[in-house]
N, C-alpha and C. Protein backbone atom coordinates (compact mmCIF):
# COMPACT_ATOMS: atom_id res chain seq x y z
N MET A 1 93.89 42.13 92.12
CA MET A 1 94.93 41.65 90.92
C MET A 1 95.70 40.52 91.10
N VAL A 2 95.75 40.15 92.27
CA VAL A 2 96.49 38.95 92.64
C VAL A 2 95.24 37.58 91.97
N ALA A 3 94.25 38.07 92.76
CA ALA A 3 92.70 36.82 92.37
C ALA A 3 92.51 37.09 91.58
N ILE A 4 92.76 37.81 90.54
CA ILE A 4 92.31 37.74 88.75
C ILE A 4 93.05 37.16 88.11
N GLU A 5 94.81 37.18 88.60
CA GLU A 5 95.76 36.33 88.45
C GLU A 5 95.87 34.89 88.21
N GLN A 6 95.41 35.04 89.59
CA GLN A 6 95.00 33.18 89.85
C GLN A 6 93.69 32.45 89.45
N VAL A 7 92.76 33.56 89.33
CA VAL A 7 91.53 33.32 88.51
C VAL A 7 91.66 32.42 87.25
N GLU A 8 92.24 33.75 86.69
CA GLU A 8 93.13 33.12 85.33
C GLU A 8 94.28 32.02 84.71
N LEU A 9 94.86 31.76 86.12
CA LEU A 9 95.97 30.95 86.37
C LEU A 9 94.44 29.70 86.11
N LYS A 10 93.81 29.43 86.72
CA LYS A 10 92.91 28.32 86.98
C LYS A 10 92.26 28.08 85.98
N ARG A 11 91.70 29.05 85.36
CA ARG A 11 90.88 28.89 83.74
C ARG A 11 91.84 28.27 83.05
N GLU A 12 93.21 28.65 82.71
CA GLU A 12 94.30 27.95 81.52
C GLU A 12 94.46 26.47 82.16
N GLN A 13 94.75 26.41 83.91
CA GLN A 13 94.86 24.82 83.88
C GLN A 13 93.95 24.17 83.42
N GLU A 14 92.43 24.52 84.00
CA GLU A 14 91.25 24.17 83.44
C GLU A 14 91.23 23.55 82.32
N GLU A 15 91.56 24.53 81.46
CA GLU A 15 91.66 24.64 79.77
C GLU A 15 92.52 23.72 79.57
N ARG A 16 94.09 23.62 80.00
CA ARG A 16 94.88 22.51 79.49
C ARG A 16 94.01 21.38 80.12
N GLU A 17 93.41 21.05 81.68
CA GLU A 17 93.63 19.81 81.46
C GLU A 17 92.51 18.84 81.25
N ARG A 18 91.18 19.89 80.27
CA ARG A 18 89.99 19.55 79.30
C ARG A 18 91.11 19.11 78.02
N GLN A 19 91.68 20.07 77.36
CA GLN A 19 92.43 19.48 75.96
C GLN A 19 93.51 18.62 76.60
N ARG A 20 93.64 18.57 77.56
CA ARG A 20 94.67 16.94 77.64
C ARG A 20 93.47 15.81 77.86
N ASP A 21 92.44 16.24 78.37
CA ASP A 21 90.98 15.14 78.01
C ASP A 21 90.92 14.62 77.25
N ARG A 22 90.40 15.44 76.51
CA ARG A 22 90.39 15.36 74.73
C ARG A 22 91.05 14.69 73.98
N GLN A 23 92.31 15.24 74.03
CA GLN A 23 93.43 14.26 73.40
C GLN A 23 93.28 12.76 73.87
N GLN A 24 93.48 12.64 75.14
CA GLN A 24 93.46 11.03 75.87
C GLN A 24 92.18 10.43 74.96
N ILE A 25 91.08 11.46 75.18
CA ILE A 25 89.87 10.64 74.76
C ILE A 25 89.71 10.34 72.90
N GLU A 26 90.37 11.24 72.09
CA GLU A 26 91.00 10.87 71.14
C GLU A 26 91.79 9.52 70.55
N LEU A 27 93.12 9.69 71.74
CA LEU A 27 93.36 8.04 71.66
C LEU A 27 93.44 7.48 71.82
N TYR A 28 92.17 7.22 73.09
CA TYR A 28 91.36 5.84 73.18
C TYR A 28 90.32 5.41 71.72
N LYS A 29 89.82 6.57 71.48
CA LYS A 29 88.96 6.23 70.11
C LYS A 29 90.16 5.69 68.45
N GLN A 30 90.82 6.38 68.86
CA GLN A 30 91.80 5.85 67.93
C GLN A 30 92.44 4.72 68.14
N LYS A 31 92.93 3.83 69.22
CA LYS A 31 93.32 2.66 69.72
C LYS A 31 91.91 1.64 69.52
N GLU A 32 90.89 1.96 69.45
CA GLU A 32 89.87 1.11 69.57
C GLU A 32 89.83 0.80 67.90
N GLN A 33 89.76 1.87 67.69
CA GLN A 33 89.57 1.89 65.84
C GLN A 33 90.49 0.73 65.43
N GLU A 34 91.69 1.18 65.89
CA GLU A 34 93.14 0.20 65.38
C GLU A 34 93.15 -1.26 65.80
N GLN A 35 92.20 -1.51 66.84
CA GLN A 35 91.86 -2.80 67.06
C GLN A 35 90.74 -3.45 66.77
N LYS A 36 89.74 -2.62 66.47
CA LYS A 36 88.77 -3.26 65.14
C LYS A 36 88.84 -3.85 64.10
N GLU A 37 90.21 -2.91 63.40
CA GLU A 37 90.69 -3.13 62.38
C GLU A 37 91.11 -4.70 62.37
N ARG A 38 92.36 -4.38 63.26
CA ARG A 38 92.90 -5.82 64.04
C ARG A 38 92.09 -7.19 64.02
N ASP A 39 91.34 -6.83 64.46
CA ASP A 39 89.96 -7.93 64.56
C ASP A 39 89.74 -8.47 63.40
N ARG A 40 89.23 -7.22 62.96
CA ARG A 40 89.03 -7.56 61.56
C ARG A 40 89.70 -8.32 60.85
N GLU A 41 90.99 -8.28 60.81
CA GLU A 41 92.06 -8.60 59.52
C GLU A 41 92.33 -9.99 59.93
N GLN A 42 92.22 -10.42 61.31
CA GLN A 42 92.21 -11.50 62.08
C GLN A 42 91.24 -12.17 61.73
N MET A 43 90.15 -12.17 61.86
CA MET A 43 88.89 -12.72 61.31
C MET A 43 88.85 -12.69 60.12
N GLU A 44 89.02 -11.85 59.04
CA GLU A 44 88.76 -12.80 58.02
C GLU A 44 90.29 -13.71 57.59
N ILE A 45 91.17 -13.49 58.12
CA ILE A 45 92.65 -14.66 57.81
C ILE A 45 92.36 -16.06 58.39
N GLY A 46 91.29 -15.77 59.89
CA GLY A 46 90.35 -16.81 59.90
C GLY A 46 89.78 -17.65 59.21
N ARG A 47 88.98 -16.81 58.45
CA ARG A 47 88.32 -17.27 57.64
C ARG A 47 89.08 -18.05 56.54
N LYS A 48 89.31 -17.00 55.79
CA LYS A 48 90.53 -17.90 55.12
C LYS A 48 91.09 -19.18 55.10
N ASN A 49 91.99 -19.46 56.25
CA ASN A 49 92.12 -20.53 56.88
C ASN A 49 91.49 -21.61 56.90
N GLU A 50 90.15 -20.54 57.80
CA GLU A 50 88.87 -22.15 57.76
C GLU A 50 88.66 -23.10 56.19
N ASP A 51 88.00 -21.64 55.14
CA ASP A 51 88.17 -22.13 54.05
C ASP A 51 89.45 -23.02 53.19
N LYS A 52 90.56 -22.89 53.50
CA LYS A 52 91.79 -23.60 52.94
C LYS A 52 91.53 -24.87 53.69
N ASP A 53 91.05 -25.25 54.72
CA ASP A 53 91.02 -26.36 55.38
C ASP A 53 89.79 -27.57 55.04
N LYS A 54 88.85 -26.78 54.75
CA LYS A 54 87.78 -27.08 54.25
C LYS A 54 87.71 -27.66 53.13
N LYS A 55 89.00 -27.22 52.18
CA LYS A 55 88.92 -27.00 50.20
C LYS A 55 89.93 -28.73 50.50
N ARG A 56 90.78 -28.33 51.60
CA ARG A 56 91.78 -29.27 51.83
C ARG A 56 90.95 -30.69 52.39
N SER A 57 90.10 -31.02 53.27
CA SER A 57 89.48 -31.88 53.64
C SER A 57 88.97 -32.47 53.05
N ARG A 58 88.08 -31.91 51.72
CA ARG A 58 87.56 -32.46 50.50
C ARG A 58 87.77 -33.09 49.59
N GLN A 59 89.57 -32.45 49.36
CA GLN A 59 90.14 -33.16 48.26
C GLN A 59 91.12 -34.64 49.02
N LEU A 60 91.08 -34.69 50.06
CA LEU A 60 91.26 -35.30 51.26
C LEU A 60 90.20 -36.78 50.65
N GLU A 61 88.93 -36.57 51.22
CA GLU A 61 87.77 -36.76 51.14
C GLU A 61 88.20 -37.35 49.90
N ASN A 62 88.05 -36.94 48.51
CA ASN A 62 87.88 -37.38 47.51
C ASN A 62 89.32 -38.48 47.52
N ILE A 63 89.50 -38.20 47.66
CA ILE A 63 91.08 -38.94 47.24
C ILE A 63 90.67 -40.41 47.86
N ILE A 64 90.58 -40.65 49.54
CA ILE A 64 90.24 -41.69 50.24
C ILE A 64 89.07 -42.21 49.16
N PHE A 65 87.86 -41.65 48.83
CA PHE A 65 86.85 -42.10 48.51
C PHE A 65 87.48 -43.04 47.00
N PHE A 66 88.07 -42.65 45.83
CA PHE A 66 88.67 -42.62 44.36
C PHE A 66 89.64 -44.62 44.99
N VAL A 67 90.07 -44.33 46.25
CA VAL A 67 91.08 -44.99 47.05
C VAL A 67 90.09 -46.66 47.29
N ARG A 68 89.12 -46.05 48.18
CA ARG A 68 88.02 -47.21 48.45
C ARG A 68 87.35 -47.46 47.24
N THR A 69 87.26 -47.14 46.07
CA THR A 69 86.88 -47.35 45.24
C THR A 69 87.46 -48.46 44.28
N ALA A 70 88.52 -48.41 44.41
CA ALA A 70 89.65 -49.00 43.67
C ALA A 70 89.66 -50.30 43.96
N ILE A 71 89.88 -50.51 45.53
CA ILE A 71 90.04 -51.18 46.94
C ILE A 71 88.75 -52.32 46.27
N GLY A 72 87.71 -51.73 46.33
CA GLY A 72 86.34 -52.27 46.20
C GLY A 72 86.20 -52.93 44.37
N GLY A 73 86.49 -52.20 43.88
CA GLY A 73 86.36 -52.69 42.29
C GLY A 73 87.88 -53.93 42.19
N GLY A 74 88.77 -53.90 43.21
CA GLY A 74 90.06 -54.95 42.89
C GLY A 74 89.11 -56.11 43.80
N GLN A 75 88.67 -56.01 44.84
CA GLN A 75 88.16 -57.14 45.43
C GLN A 75 86.95 -57.91 45.14
N ILE A 76 86.34 -57.12 43.99
CA ILE A 76 85.08 -57.59 42.94
C ILE A 76 86.02 -58.99 41.76
N PHE A 77 86.83 -57.96 41.36
CA PHE A 77 87.34 -58.78 40.05
C PHE A 77 88.31 -60.00 40.94
N SER A 78 89.29 -59.90 42.20
CA SER A 78 89.54 -60.85 42.55
C SER A 78 88.77 -61.77 43.54
N ALA A 79 87.65 -61.74 43.87
CA ALA A 79 86.68 -62.81 44.23
C ALA A 79 85.93 -63.12 43.15
N SER A 80 85.60 -62.62 42.01
CA SER A 80 85.02 -63.27 40.49
C SER A 80 86.42 -64.14 39.81
N TYR A 81 87.88 -63.71 39.93
CA TYR A 81 88.76 -64.38 39.06
C TYR A 81 88.54 -65.93 38.70
N PRO A 82 88.19 -66.53 40.33
CA PRO A 82 88.52 -67.86 39.84
C PRO A 82 87.41 -68.56 39.07
N LEU A 83 86.60 -67.80 38.47
CA LEU A 83 85.53 -68.38 38.05
C LEU A 83 85.53 -68.59 36.85
N ILE A 84 86.76 -67.68 36.23
CA ILE A 84 87.08 -67.58 34.77
C ILE A 84 88.14 -68.76 34.52
N LYS A 85 88.32 -69.78 35.80
CA LYS A 85 89.51 -70.68 35.27
C LYS A 85 88.72 -71.35 34.79
N ASP A 86 87.61 -72.05 35.89
CA ASP A 86 86.53 -72.73 35.70
C ASP A 86 86.20 -73.30 34.77
N THR A 87 85.38 -72.04 33.88
CA THR A 87 85.11 -72.11 32.54
C THR A 87 85.70 -70.77 31.54
N PRO A 88 86.55 -71.06 31.03
CA PRO A 88 87.27 -69.62 30.09
C PRO A 88 86.50 -68.97 29.55
N ILE A 89 86.69 -68.03 28.89
CA ILE A 89 85.39 -67.02 28.47
C ILE A 89 85.64 -67.15 26.95
N LYS A 90 84.69 -66.85 26.27
CA LYS A 90 84.83 -66.95 24.49
C LYS A 90 84.15 -65.59 24.64
N TRP A 91 85.18 -65.13 23.69
CA TRP A 91 85.60 -63.48 23.49
C TRP A 91 85.09 -62.97 21.72
N GLN A 92 83.49 -64.15 22.09
CA GLN A 92 82.89 -63.77 20.83
C GLN A 92 81.47 -64.04 21.54
N PRO A 93 80.62 -62.89 21.92
CA PRO A 93 79.31 -62.96 21.58
C PRO A 93 78.09 -63.55 21.47
N ASP A 94 77.64 -64.47 22.36
CA ASP A 94 76.72 -64.97 21.75
C ASP A 94 75.28 -65.24 22.81
N PHE A 95 74.53 -64.11 22.48
CA PHE A 95 73.33 -64.32 23.11
C PHE A 95 72.10 -65.44 23.52
N SER A 96 72.62 -66.50 22.87
CA SER A 96 71.58 -67.34 23.17
C SER A 96 72.47 -68.81 24.12
N LEU A 97 73.60 -68.08 24.59
CA LEU A 97 74.35 -68.88 25.81
C LEU A 97 73.83 -68.41 27.09
N PRO A 98 73.92 -68.55 28.09
CA PRO A 98 73.11 -68.05 29.52
C PRO A 98 75.18 -67.35 29.91
N LEU A 99 75.21 -65.79 30.63
CA LEU A 99 76.02 -65.28 31.47
C LEU A 99 77.05 -66.43 31.64
N HIS A 100 78.37 -66.23 31.12
CA HIS A 100 79.51 -66.62 31.65
C HIS A 100 79.83 -66.04 33.35
N PRO A 101 79.54 -67.23 34.14
CA PRO A 101 79.74 -66.48 35.46
C PRO A 101 80.92 -65.44 36.43
N PHE A 102 81.74 -65.18 35.64
CA PHE A 102 82.30 -64.07 35.86
C PHE A 102 81.60 -62.99 35.39
N THR A 103 80.92 -63.22 34.27
CA THR A 103 79.95 -61.75 33.47
C THR A 103 78.98 -61.75 35.10
N ALA A 104 78.16 -62.65 34.87
CA ALA A 104 77.33 -62.32 36.06
C ALA A 104 77.10 -62.03 37.03
N THR A 105 78.91 -62.42 37.44
CA THR A 105 79.46 -62.11 39.57
C THR A 105 79.77 -60.66 39.47
N ILE A 106 79.84 -59.91 38.00
CA ILE A 106 80.26 -59.29 38.04
C ILE A 106 79.15 -58.01 37.96
N ILE A 107 78.01 -57.93 36.93
CA ILE A 107 77.02 -57.47 37.20
C ILE A 107 76.19 -57.41 38.84
N TRP A 108 76.47 -58.58 39.00
CA TRP A 108 75.53 -59.00 40.71
C TRP A 108 76.20 -58.03 41.31
N SER A 109 77.98 -57.92 41.22
CA SER A 109 78.57 -57.23 42.38
C SER A 109 77.87 -55.69 42.02
N LEU A 110 77.73 -55.17 40.89
CA LEU A 110 78.07 -54.02 40.87
C LEU A 110 76.21 -53.16 40.98
N LEU A 111 75.40 -54.46 41.06
CA LEU A 111 73.93 -54.30 41.08
C LEU A 111 73.76 -54.00 42.64
N PHE A 112 74.01 -55.11 43.34
CA PHE A 112 74.55 -55.00 44.48
C PHE A 112 74.58 -53.89 45.28
N GLY A 113 76.01 -53.39 44.64
CA GLY A 113 76.90 -52.23 45.33
C GLY A 113 75.98 -51.44 44.97
N LEU A 114 75.32 -51.19 44.26
CA LEU A 114 74.81 -49.76 43.38
C LEU A 114 73.20 -49.57 44.46
N ILE A 115 72.66 -50.78 44.65
CA ILE A 115 71.32 -50.79 45.51
C ILE A 115 71.39 -50.30 46.78
N PHE A 116 72.81 -51.03 47.49
CA PHE A 116 73.12 -50.91 48.58
C PHE A 116 73.79 -49.29 48.71
N SER A 117 74.74 -48.77 48.29
CA SER A 117 74.76 -47.24 47.62
C SER A 117 74.10 -46.50 48.49
N LEU A 118 72.83 -46.67 47.55
CA LEU A 118 71.41 -45.99 47.30
C LEU A 118 70.64 -46.14 49.01
N LEU A 119 70.44 -47.36 49.23
CA LEU A 119 69.60 -47.46 50.29
C LEU A 119 70.26 -46.42 51.68
N ILE A 120 71.72 -46.74 51.89
CA ILE A 120 72.55 -46.13 52.82
C ILE A 120 72.20 -44.73 52.68
N LEU A 121 72.30 -43.76 50.83
CA LEU A 121 72.39 -42.59 51.05
C LEU A 121 70.64 -42.25 51.30
N GLY A 122 69.88 -42.96 51.02
CA GLY A 122 68.28 -42.88 51.41
C GLY A 122 68.08 -42.45 52.86
N ILE A 123 69.15 -43.51 53.72
CA ILE A 123 68.82 -43.48 55.09
C ILE A 123 69.62 -42.71 56.01
N LEU A 124 70.65 -42.25 55.26
CA LEU A 124 71.31 -40.43 55.93
C LEU A 124 70.34 -39.71 55.35
N SER A 125 70.28 -39.18 54.18
CA SER A 125 69.45 -38.02 54.27
C SER A 125 68.04 -37.95 55.39
N LEU A 126 67.95 -39.18 55.17
CA LEU A 126 66.59 -39.17 55.77
C LEU A 126 67.34 -38.86 57.16
N ALA A 127 67.84 -39.39 58.09
CA ALA A 127 68.25 -39.32 59.25
C ALA A 127 68.41 -38.08 59.59
N ARG A 128 69.22 -36.98 58.57
CA ARG A 128 69.73 -35.40 58.44
C ARG A 128 68.90 -34.99 58.45
N LYS A 129 67.42 -35.06 57.73
CA LYS A 129 66.27 -34.43 57.80
C LYS A 129 65.35 -34.51 58.88
N ILE A 130 65.12 -35.62 59.53
CA ILE A 130 64.34 -35.77 60.74
C ILE A 130 65.19 -35.21 62.16
N SER A 131 66.68 -35.35 61.96
CA SER A 131 66.76 -34.99 63.84
C SER A 131 68.39 -34.38 63.43
N PRO A 132 68.57 -33.52 63.75
CA PRO A 132 70.23 -32.53 63.72
C PRO A 132 70.81 -33.07 64.75
N ARG A 133 70.27 -33.56 65.60
CA ARG A 133 71.32 -34.24 66.36
C ARG A 133 71.97 -35.51 66.02
N ILE A 134 71.95 -36.11 64.84
CA ILE A 134 72.25 -37.02 65.09
C ILE A 134 72.85 -36.98 63.22
N LEU A 135 73.03 -35.50 63.17
CA LEU A 135 73.99 -34.92 62.17
C LEU A 135 75.76 -35.24 62.16
N PRO A 136 75.72 -35.21 63.92
CA PRO A 136 77.40 -35.64 64.05
C PRO A 136 77.68 -36.34 64.68
N LEU A 137 77.22 -37.05 64.47
CA LEU A 137 77.37 -38.68 64.84
C LEU A 137 77.70 -39.14 63.17
N VAL A 138 76.76 -38.97 62.02
CA VAL A 138 76.85 -39.23 61.11
C VAL A 138 77.58 -39.13 60.19
N ARG A 139 78.25 -37.54 60.30
CA ARG A 139 79.42 -37.23 59.78
C ARG A 139 80.69 -37.62 60.68
N LYS A 140 80.66 -38.34 61.65
CA LYS A 140 81.88 -39.23 62.29
C LYS A 140 81.89 -40.50 61.79
N ILE A 141 80.67 -41.02 61.68
CA ILE A 141 80.66 -42.30 60.64
C ILE A 141 80.98 -42.19 59.24
N LEU A 142 80.15 -41.10 58.68
CA LEU A 142 80.73 -40.86 57.56
C LEU A 142 80.91 -39.81 56.64
N PRO A 143 82.15 -38.97 56.65
CA PRO A 143 82.21 -37.65 56.34
C PRO A 143 81.97 -37.49 55.20
N ARG A 144 81.63 -36.28 54.72
CA ARG A 144 81.09 -35.62 53.35
C ARG A 144 82.01 -35.81 52.41
């Protein structure tokens, strides 16, 4: 009988060990699931922060663009302003007369600025299509 009792005790111990092992496995699985969920949440937070940074960067680029444009316009006007003093502007348009030098300078500045901008835009778009290796260099020079 002692042997039978020992066998039963061993079985009970083995059963307890198996049950403990199952519980530990379940705990590990649960911890893994929790870790996966935390990782997903952190990835989502990271994506949101990245989107916010991109939006902030775009807004900054827009502000810089408008400031550049205003400074460029001011430079065009300041370069052309002395022409007003040489020949006063007549505010009644007379198309039989040639353009006033100030007006002609403004028109030529805008025309050359537009042509130059389109030329640079074409070069950049061609560079982006030709080689993806050039793209990081182009972004450093001219951010979007």
